[in-house]
N, C-alpha and C. Protein backbone atom coordinates (compact mmCIF):
# COMPACT_ATOMS: atom_id res chain seq x y z
N VAL A 1 0.85 -1.17 0.00
CA VAL A 1 0.00 0.00 0.00
C VAL A 1 0.89 1.23 0.00
N SER A 2 0.50 2.21 -0.81
CA SER A 2 1.19 3.49 -0.77
C SER A 2 0.14 4.59 -0.56
N VAL A 3 0.54 5.62 0.17
CA VAL A 3 -0.33 6.74 0.47
C VAL A 3 0.41 8.01 0.08
N TYR A 4 -0.28 8.90 -0.61
CA TYR A 4 0.31 10.15 -1.05
C TYR A 4 -0.71 11.26 -0.81
N VAL A 5 -0.27 12.35 -0.19
CA VAL A 5 -1.15 13.49 0.08
C VAL A 5 -0.47 14.74 -0.45
N GLU A 6 -1.26 15.57 -1.13
CA GLU A 6 -0.73 16.80 -1.70
C GLU A 6 -1.65 17.96 -1.34
N VAL A 7 -1.06 19.07 -0.92
CA VAL A 7 -1.80 20.29 -0.65
C VAL A 7 -1.39 21.29 -1.72
N ASP A 8 -2.36 21.79 -2.45
CA ASP A 8 -2.09 22.73 -3.54
C ASP A 8 -3.05 23.90 -3.39
N GLY A 9 -2.55 25.00 -2.88
CA GLY A 9 -3.42 26.16 -2.66
C GLY A 9 -4.50 25.82 -1.65
N GLY A 10 -5.74 25.91 -2.08
CA GLY A 10 -6.85 25.66 -1.18
C GLY A 10 -7.40 24.25 -1.25
N ARG A 11 -6.71 23.32 -1.91
CA ARG A 11 -7.20 21.94 -2.07
C ARG A 11 -6.25 20.94 -1.43
N VAL A 12 -6.83 19.86 -0.92
CA VAL A 12 -6.05 18.73 -0.41
C VAL A 12 -6.49 17.51 -1.21
N GLU A 13 -5.53 16.76 -1.72
CA GLU A 13 -5.83 15.55 -2.47
C GLU A 13 -5.00 14.41 -1.89
N ALA A 14 -5.66 13.29 -1.69
CA ALA A 14 -4.98 12.12 -1.12
C ALA A 14 -5.26 10.90 -2.00
N PHE A 15 -4.25 10.06 -2.12
CA PHE A 15 -4.34 8.84 -2.91
C PHE A 15 -3.91 7.66 -2.04
N VAL A 16 -4.64 6.58 -2.12
CA VAL A 16 -4.25 5.32 -1.48
C VAL A 16 -4.27 4.27 -2.58
N ARG A 17 -3.12 3.61 -2.78
CA ARG A 17 -2.99 2.62 -3.84
C ARG A 17 -2.51 1.30 -3.26
N ASP A 18 -3.03 0.23 -3.82
CA ASP A 18 -2.49 -1.08 -3.45
C ASP A 18 -2.31 -1.92 -4.70
N ARG A 19 -1.56 -2.98 -4.55
CA ARG A 19 -1.31 -3.90 -5.65
C ARG A 19 -2.01 -5.24 -5.39
N GLY A 20 -3.15 -5.14 -4.74
CA GLY A 20 -3.91 -6.34 -4.40
C GLY A 20 -4.63 -6.95 -5.59
N ARG A 21 -5.63 -7.74 -5.29
CA ARG A 21 -6.37 -8.46 -6.33
C ARG A 21 -7.20 -7.54 -7.19
N GLY A 22 -7.62 -6.41 -6.67
CA GLY A 22 -8.49 -5.52 -7.42
C GLY A 22 -9.87 -6.12 -7.60
N PHE A 23 -10.76 -5.39 -8.24
CA PHE A 23 -12.11 -5.86 -8.49
C PHE A 23 -12.70 -5.06 -9.64
N ASP A 24 -13.82 -5.53 -10.17
CA ASP A 24 -14.51 -4.83 -11.24
C ASP A 24 -15.62 -4.00 -10.62
N PRO A 25 -15.47 -2.67 -10.53
CA PRO A 25 -16.50 -1.85 -9.90
C PRO A 25 -17.88 -2.01 -10.53
N ALA A 26 -17.95 -2.28 -11.82
CA ALA A 26 -19.24 -2.45 -12.49
C ALA A 26 -19.94 -3.74 -12.08
N ALA A 27 -19.19 -4.67 -11.50
CA ALA A 27 -19.77 -5.96 -11.12
C ALA A 27 -20.20 -6.00 -9.65
N VAL A 28 -20.07 -4.90 -8.92
CA VAL A 28 -20.44 -4.87 -7.51
C VAL A 28 -21.97 -4.87 -7.42
N ASP A 29 -22.52 -5.78 -6.61
CA ASP A 29 -23.97 -5.88 -6.43
C ASP A 29 -24.55 -4.55 -5.95
N GLY A 30 -25.76 -4.24 -6.39
CA GLY A 30 -26.44 -3.00 -6.04
C GLY A 30 -26.66 -2.82 -4.55
N ASP A 31 -26.72 -3.93 -3.80
CA ASP A 31 -26.93 -3.80 -2.35
C ASP A 31 -25.63 -3.55 -1.60
N ARG A 32 -24.52 -3.53 -2.29
CA ARG A 32 -23.21 -3.25 -1.69
C ARG A 32 -22.88 -1.79 -1.96
N GLN A 33 -23.24 -0.90 -1.04
CA GLN A 33 -23.12 0.54 -1.27
C GLN A 33 -22.02 1.20 -0.45
N GLY A 34 -21.08 0.42 0.09
CA GLY A 34 -20.03 0.99 0.93
C GLY A 34 -19.22 2.06 0.24
N ILE A 35 -18.78 1.79 -0.97
CA ILE A 35 -17.98 2.78 -1.69
C ILE A 35 -18.84 3.98 -2.06
N ALA A 36 -20.02 3.73 -2.62
CA ALA A 36 -20.88 4.83 -3.08
C ALA A 36 -21.32 5.73 -1.94
N ARG A 37 -21.69 5.16 -0.82
CA ARG A 37 -22.21 5.98 0.29
C ARG A 37 -21.11 6.44 1.24
N SER A 38 -20.23 5.54 1.62
CA SER A 38 -19.25 5.88 2.65
C SER A 38 -18.09 6.71 2.12
N ILE A 39 -17.72 6.55 0.88
CA ILE A 39 -16.58 7.30 0.35
C ILE A 39 -17.06 8.41 -0.58
N VAL A 40 -17.66 8.04 -1.69
CA VAL A 40 -18.07 9.02 -2.70
C VAL A 40 -19.12 9.98 -2.15
N GLY A 41 -20.15 9.45 -1.51
CA GLY A 41 -21.21 10.28 -0.96
C GLY A 41 -20.74 11.21 0.13
N ARG A 42 -19.91 10.71 1.02
CA ARG A 42 -19.41 11.53 2.12
C ARG A 42 -18.55 12.69 1.60
N MET A 43 -17.71 12.41 0.63
CA MET A 43 -16.88 13.48 0.06
C MET A 43 -17.75 14.51 -0.66
N ALA A 44 -18.76 14.06 -1.40
CA ALA A 44 -19.65 14.98 -2.11
C ALA A 44 -20.40 15.89 -1.13
N ARG A 45 -20.82 15.33 -0.01
CA ARG A 45 -21.53 16.14 0.99
C ARG A 45 -20.64 17.24 1.58
N GLN A 46 -19.33 17.06 1.51
CA GLN A 46 -18.39 18.06 2.03
C GLN A 46 -17.84 18.95 0.91
N GLY A 47 -18.40 18.82 -0.28
CA GLY A 47 -17.97 19.65 -1.40
C GLY A 47 -16.74 19.11 -2.11
N GLY A 48 -16.39 17.88 -1.85
CA GLY A 48 -15.22 17.28 -2.49
C GLY A 48 -15.62 16.23 -3.49
N ARG A 49 -14.65 15.41 -3.83
CA ARG A 49 -14.93 14.30 -4.75
C ARG A 49 -14.08 13.11 -4.37
N ALA A 50 -14.52 11.95 -4.78
CA ALA A 50 -13.76 10.72 -4.57
C ALA A 50 -13.89 9.87 -5.81
N ARG A 51 -12.82 9.15 -6.11
CA ARG A 51 -12.81 8.21 -7.24
C ARG A 51 -12.22 6.90 -6.76
N VAL A 52 -12.77 5.82 -7.24
CA VAL A 52 -12.22 4.50 -6.96
C VAL A 52 -11.95 3.85 -8.30
N LEU A 53 -10.68 3.58 -8.56
CA LEU A 53 -10.27 2.92 -9.79
C LEU A 53 -9.74 1.55 -9.44
N SER A 54 -10.28 0.53 -10.08
CA SER A 54 -9.83 -0.82 -9.79
C SER A 54 -10.12 -1.71 -10.99
N ALA A 55 -9.38 -2.78 -11.10
CA ALA A 55 -9.61 -3.79 -12.12
C ALA A 55 -9.05 -5.11 -11.60
N PRO A 56 -9.70 -6.21 -11.91
CA PRO A 56 -9.20 -7.51 -11.45
C PRO A 56 -7.72 -7.70 -11.83
N GLY A 57 -6.93 -8.07 -10.85
CA GLY A 57 -5.51 -8.31 -11.06
C GLY A 57 -4.65 -7.06 -11.11
N GLU A 58 -5.26 -5.89 -10.98
CA GLU A 58 -4.52 -4.63 -11.13
C GLU A 58 -4.45 -3.79 -9.87
N GLY A 59 -5.02 -4.24 -8.78
CA GLY A 59 -5.01 -3.43 -7.57
C GLY A 59 -6.11 -2.38 -7.58
N THR A 60 -6.04 -1.48 -6.61
CA THR A 60 -7.08 -0.46 -6.45
C THR A 60 -6.44 0.86 -6.07
N GLU A 61 -7.02 1.95 -6.58
CA GLU A 61 -6.60 3.29 -6.18
C GLU A 61 -7.84 4.06 -5.76
N VAL A 62 -7.77 4.67 -4.58
CA VAL A 62 -8.82 5.55 -4.10
C VAL A 62 -8.21 6.94 -4.00
N SER A 63 -8.87 7.91 -4.62
CA SER A 63 -8.40 9.29 -4.49
C SER A 63 -9.55 10.14 -3.96
N VAL A 64 -9.20 11.05 -3.08
CA VAL A 64 -10.18 11.99 -2.52
C VAL A 64 -9.60 13.39 -2.62
N GLU A 65 -10.49 14.35 -2.87
CA GLU A 65 -10.08 15.74 -2.98
C GLU A 65 -11.13 16.61 -2.29
N VAL A 66 -10.67 17.58 -1.52
CA VAL A 66 -11.58 18.46 -0.79
C VAL A 66 -10.88 19.80 -0.55
N ALA A 67 -11.68 20.84 -0.33
CA ALA A 67 -11.11 22.14 -0.01
C ALA A 67 -10.41 22.07 1.34
N ARG A 68 -9.29 22.74 1.44
CA ARG A 68 -8.52 22.77 2.68
C ARG A 68 -9.19 23.72 3.66
N ALA A 69 -9.33 23.27 4.89
CA ALA A 69 -9.89 24.13 5.94
C ALA A 69 -8.84 25.18 6.30
N ARG A 70 -9.30 26.36 6.54
CA ARG A 70 -8.39 27.43 6.94
C ARG A 70 -8.21 27.44 8.44
N GLY A 71 -6.99 27.63 8.87
CA GLY A 71 -6.71 27.75 10.28
C GLY A 71 -6.95 29.17 10.75
N PRO A 72 -6.96 29.39 12.06
CA PRO A 72 -7.23 30.74 12.60
C PRO A 72 -6.24 31.78 12.09
N GLU A 73 -5.00 31.37 11.82
CA GLU A 73 -3.99 32.31 11.35
C GLU A 73 -4.21 32.71 9.90
N GLU A 74 -5.10 32.00 9.20
CA GLU A 74 -5.38 32.31 7.79
C GLU A 74 -6.72 33.01 7.58
N ALA A 75 -7.43 33.30 8.64
CA ALA A 75 -8.74 33.93 8.51
C ALA A 75 -8.63 35.27 7.80
N GLU A 76 -9.64 35.55 7.00
CA GLU A 76 -9.62 36.82 6.24
C GLU A 76 -10.15 37.96 7.07
């Protein structure tokens, strides 16, 4: 597993990659909503985005991107 996080201006983007078995996202049963609700939906509710890229035998990559929260020292 590798993890990479990048802060660019007002955005934070994180990637988690593995070289595991992978899976076919199109073949996931409709009642299995963990990725859609827990990852993609949660990021969308916060104004961000999430992507899950995977293929059998190719591993999986999850990327998330969201606006960076401003600290008190950065308040306008």
